[in-house]
C-alpha cells in the first residue's frame, strides 16, 4: 500500500491530476465501524416502514434504507465538497459498477498506465476505488477518511439531487455526473 501511495502522490505532485483508489488510501478494515449517534434524534423522528423485511425511513419525501438514512443525515451535516470533486450519482442497479470503473479509468489515465499491472482497476474492484458517500462512509462513521483522499476526489452516491448537501449542489464546488436508465 505504501508503494502505491508513493507512486500516486508523486504523480499528483508532478501535475498529473487524477484520483487515487480509495482502498489504497484508507485501510477500511482497520477503521472500527461507528454509527454516528449525534443525529439519532433526527433519524428516530423519521417515519418508518418495513418492506420485504428491510427497515426503511422516510426523509424529505424519499424512502431510504435505514443505514442510508443515517448516512444521509450525517452527510448533510458534515460533508464539504472540494473544488475538484466529481460525484457520480446513480440509482442502484443502474450501471454503478460500470460508471465507477469508466470514470476512474478516465480521470486517472495521466496518473496510471493502463497496461501497468499496478493499475488500481487491475488490482481492485471499482467499488474499492470509488467509495459511496452515504452508505459506505457516513453510515458507519468513516467520514474522516474523506480528508485523506487527495484532490480530485471521485465519489459515488445513490441519493437524488434534492437530498445531496448544499456543498455538492453548489455548481462551483464540484461536478456531478448523473446516470439514469
Protein backbone atom coordinates (compact mmCIF):
# COMPACT_ATOMS: atom_id res chain seq x y z
CA UNK A 1 0.00 0.00 0.00
CA UNK A 2 2.82 2.45 0.80
CA UNK A 3 4.39 1.85 -2.59
CA UNK A 4 1.13 2.57 -4.40
CA UNK A 5 0.55 5.76 -2.40
CA UNK A 6 4.09 6.95 -3.09
CA UNK A 7 3.52 6.48 -6.82
CA UNK A 8 0.16 8.21 -6.67
CA UNK A 9 1.49 11.10 -4.55
CA UNK A 10 4.42 11.56 -6.93
CA UNK A 11 2.13 11.61 -9.93
CA UNK A 12 -0.15 14.16 -8.30
CA UNK A 13 2.79 16.35 -7.30
CA UNK A 14 4.13 16.29 -10.85
CA UNK A 15 0.92 17.91 -12.06
CA UNK A 16 -0.77 14.81 -13.44
CA UNK A 17 -4.07 15.14 -11.66
CA UNK A 18 -6.10 12.03 -11.12
CA UNK A 19 -7.98 10.24 -8.38
CA UNK A 20 -6.33 7.72 -6.11
CA UNK A 21 -8.07 4.42 -5.35
CA UNK A 22 -9.96 4.77 -2.08
CA UNK A 23 -8.74 1.44 -0.73
CA UNK A 24 -5.10 2.45 -1.38
CA UNK A 25 -5.54 5.48 0.90
CA UNK A 26 -7.79 4.06 3.59
CA UNK A 27 -7.36 0.75 5.36
CA UNK A 28 -11.11 0.34 5.86
CA UNK A 29 -10.73 -2.98 7.70
CA UNK A 30 -8.68 -1.20 10.39
CA UNK A 31 -11.30 1.50 10.97
CA UNK A 32 -13.79 0.49 13.65
CA UNK A 33 -17.37 0.80 12.45
CA UNK A 34 -19.04 3.52 14.50
CA UNK A 35 -22.55 4.51 13.54
CA UNK A 36 -22.91 8.26 14.04
CA UNK A 37 -25.10 8.88 17.06
CA UNK A 38 -25.20 12.67 17.10
CA UNK A 39 -28.03 12.64 14.54
CA UNK A 40 -30.12 9.87 16.13
CA UNK A 41 -32.85 12.31 17.20
CA UNK A 42 -33.40 13.24 13.52
CA UNK A 43 -33.23 9.58 12.47
CA UNK A 44 -35.72 8.35 15.07
CA UNK A 45 -38.17 11.14 14.20
CA UNK A 46 -38.44 9.88 10.61
CA UNK A 47 -41.48 7.81 9.60
CA UNK A 48 -40.66 4.11 9.24
CA UNK A 49 -41.91 1.08 7.37
CA UNK A 50 -40.67 -2.40 6.62
CA UNK A 51 -40.53 -3.61 3.00
CA UNK A 52 -39.66 -7.28 2.47
CA UNK A 53 -38.14 -7.44 5.98
CA UNK A 54 -35.96 -4.38 5.26
CA UNK A 55 -36.40 -1.35 7.58
CA UNK A 56 -36.90 1.91 5.71
CA UNK A 57 -37.10 5.56 6.81
CA UNK A 58 -38.75 8.48 5.03
CA UNK A 59 -36.53 11.54 4.73
CA UNK A 60 -37.64 14.67 2.87
CA UNK A 61 -40.14 12.70 0.81
CA UNK A 62 -37.87 9.75 -0.10
CA UNK A 63 -37.88 6.26 1.37
CA UNK A 64 -34.34 5.17 2.19
CA UNK A 65 -32.81 2.06 3.70
CA UNK A 66 -32.26 2.70 7.40
CA UNK A 67 -28.44 2.72 7.06
CA UNK A 68 -28.67 5.08 4.10
CA UNK A 69 -30.96 7.39 6.08
CA UNK A 70 -28.39 7.50 8.90
CA UNK A 71 -25.60 8.23 6.43
CA UNK A 72 -27.68 10.81 4.54
CA UNK A 73 -28.34 12.84 7.68
CA UNK A 74 -24.68 12.63 8.75
CA UNK A 75 -23.54 13.56 5.25
CA UNK A 76 -25.91 16.53 5.10
CA UNK A 77 -24.39 17.92 8.28
CA UNK A 78 -20.74 17.02 7.72
CA UNK A 79 -19.76 16.72 4.07
CA UNK A 80 -17.76 19.53 2.48
CA UNK A 81 -17.08 19.29 -1.25
CA UNK A 82 -13.75 20.36 -2.68
CA UNK A 83 -13.46 22.34 -5.93
CA UNK A 84 -12.10 19.35 -7.90
CA UNK A 85 -14.52 16.70 -6.65
CA UNK A 86 -16.54 14.60 -9.08
CA UNK A 87 -19.67 12.92 -7.71
CA UNK A 88 -21.20 10.04 -9.66
CA UNK A 89 -24.95 9.96 -8.97
CA UNK A 90 -26.55 6.66 -9.96
CA UNK A 91 -29.61 4.73 -8.99
CA UNK A 92 -28.85 1.32 -7.50
CA UNK A 93 -28.55 -1.39 -10.17
CA UNK A 94 -28.30 1.18 -12.98
CA UNK A 95 -24.70 0.54 -14.02
CA UNK A 96 -22.96 1.89 -10.91
CA UNK A 97 -20.00 -0.50 -11.10
CA UNK A 98 -19.52 0.22 -14.78
CA UNK A 99 -19.66 4.02 -14.40
CA UNK A 100 -17.26 3.88 -11.42
CA UNK A 101 -14.72 1.93 -13.48
CA UNK A 102 -15.17 4.14 -16.54
CA UNK A 103 -14.88 7.42 -14.59
CA UNK A 104 -11.89 6.20 -12.56
CA UNK A 105 -10.07 4.99 -15.69
CA UNK A 106 -10.78 8.26 -17.50
CA UNK A 107 -9.74 10.52 -14.64
CA UNK A 108 -6.61 8.54 -13.75
CA UNK A 109 -5.24 7.97 -17.25
CA UNK A 110 -2.49 10.55 -16.66
CA UNK A 111 -1.55 9.02 -13.32
CA UNK A 112 -1.57 5.29 -14.05
CA UNK A 113 -0.58 3.45 -17.22
CA UNK A 114 -3.45 1.27 -18.44
CA UNK A 115 -1.02 -1.53 -19.30
CA UNK A 116 0.55 -1.50 -15.82
CA UNK A 117 -0.34 -4.46 -13.61
CA UNK A 118 -0.24 -1.98 -10.73
CA UNK A 119 -3.23 -0.01 -12.14
CA UNK A 120 -5.88 0.11 -9.38
CA UNK A 121 -8.57 -1.36 -11.64
CA UNK A 122 -6.32 -4.39 -12.30
CA UNK A 123 -5.92 -4.95 -8.56
CA UNK A 124 -9.21 -3.73 -7.06
CA UNK A 125 -12.94 -3.81 -7.65
CA UNK A 126 -14.32 -0.44 -8.86
CA UNK A 127 -16.22 -0.19 -5.55
CA UNK A 128 -12.84 -0.27 -3.77
CA UNK A 129 -11.62 2.62 -5.95
CA UNK A 130 -14.68 4.90 -5.69
CA UNK A 131 -16.49 5.00 -2.31
CA UNK A 132 -20.23 5.53 -1.89
CA UNK A 133 -20.65 8.55 0.34
CA UNK A 134 -23.86 7.96 2.28
CA UNK A 135 -23.87 4.18 2.63
CA UNK A 136 -20.15 3.45 2.53
CA UNK A 137 -18.68 6.25 4.63
CA UNK A 138 -21.11 8.35 6.63
CA UNK A 139 -23.40 5.46 7.63
CA UNK A 140 -20.51 3.86 9.53
CA UNK A 141 -18.82 6.98 10.85
CA UNK A 142 -15.88 6.78 8.42
CA UNK A 143 -16.22 10.34 7.11
CA UNK A 144 -12.72 11.27 8.37
CA UNK A 145 -11.32 9.01 5.63
CA UNK A 146 -12.52 11.54 3.02
CA UNK A 147 -9.93 14.04 4.24
CA UNK A 148 -7.16 11.53 3.42
CA UNK A 149 -8.15 11.38 -0.24
CA UNK A 150 -6.12 13.79 -2.38
CA UNK A 151 -7.91 16.04 -4.85
CA UNK A 152 -9.55 15.42 -7.19
CA UNK A 153 -11.77 13.00 -5.28
CA UNK A 154 -14.06 10.68 -7.20
CA UNK A 155 -17.12 9.75 -5.12
CA UNK A 156 -20.43 7.97 -5.66
CA UNK A 157 -23.94 8.47 -4.32
CA UNK A 158 -27.32 6.79 -4.84
CA UNK A 159 -29.24 9.80 -3.49
CA UNK A 160 -31.45 12.11 -5.56
CA UNK A 161 -30.11 15.61 -6.15
CA UNK A 162 -32.53 17.18 -3.67
CA UNK A 163 -31.06 15.11 -0.80
CA UNK A 164 -27.45 15.98 -1.52
CA UNK A 165 -25.76 18.54 0.76
CA UNK A 166 -25.68 22.12 -0.46
CA UNK A 167 -21.88 21.91 -0.85
CA UNK A 168 -22.42 19.35 -3.62
CA UNK A 169 -25.34 21.19 -5.21
CA UNK A 170 -23.32 24.41 -5.44
CA UNK A 171 -22.05 24.43 -9.03
CA UNK A 172 -18.71 25.97 -8.01
CA UNK A 173 -17.90 23.22 -5.51
CA UNK A 174 -17.81 20.10 -7.66
CA UNK A 175 -19.11 18.32 -10.72
CA UNK A 176 -21.98 15.84 -10.70
CA UNK A 177 -22.27 13.07 -13.27
CA UNK A 178 -25.87 11.85 -13.16
CA UNK A 179 -26.65 8.47 -14.72
CA UNK A 180 -30.23 7.43 -15.34
CA UNK A 181 -31.52 4.34 -17.03
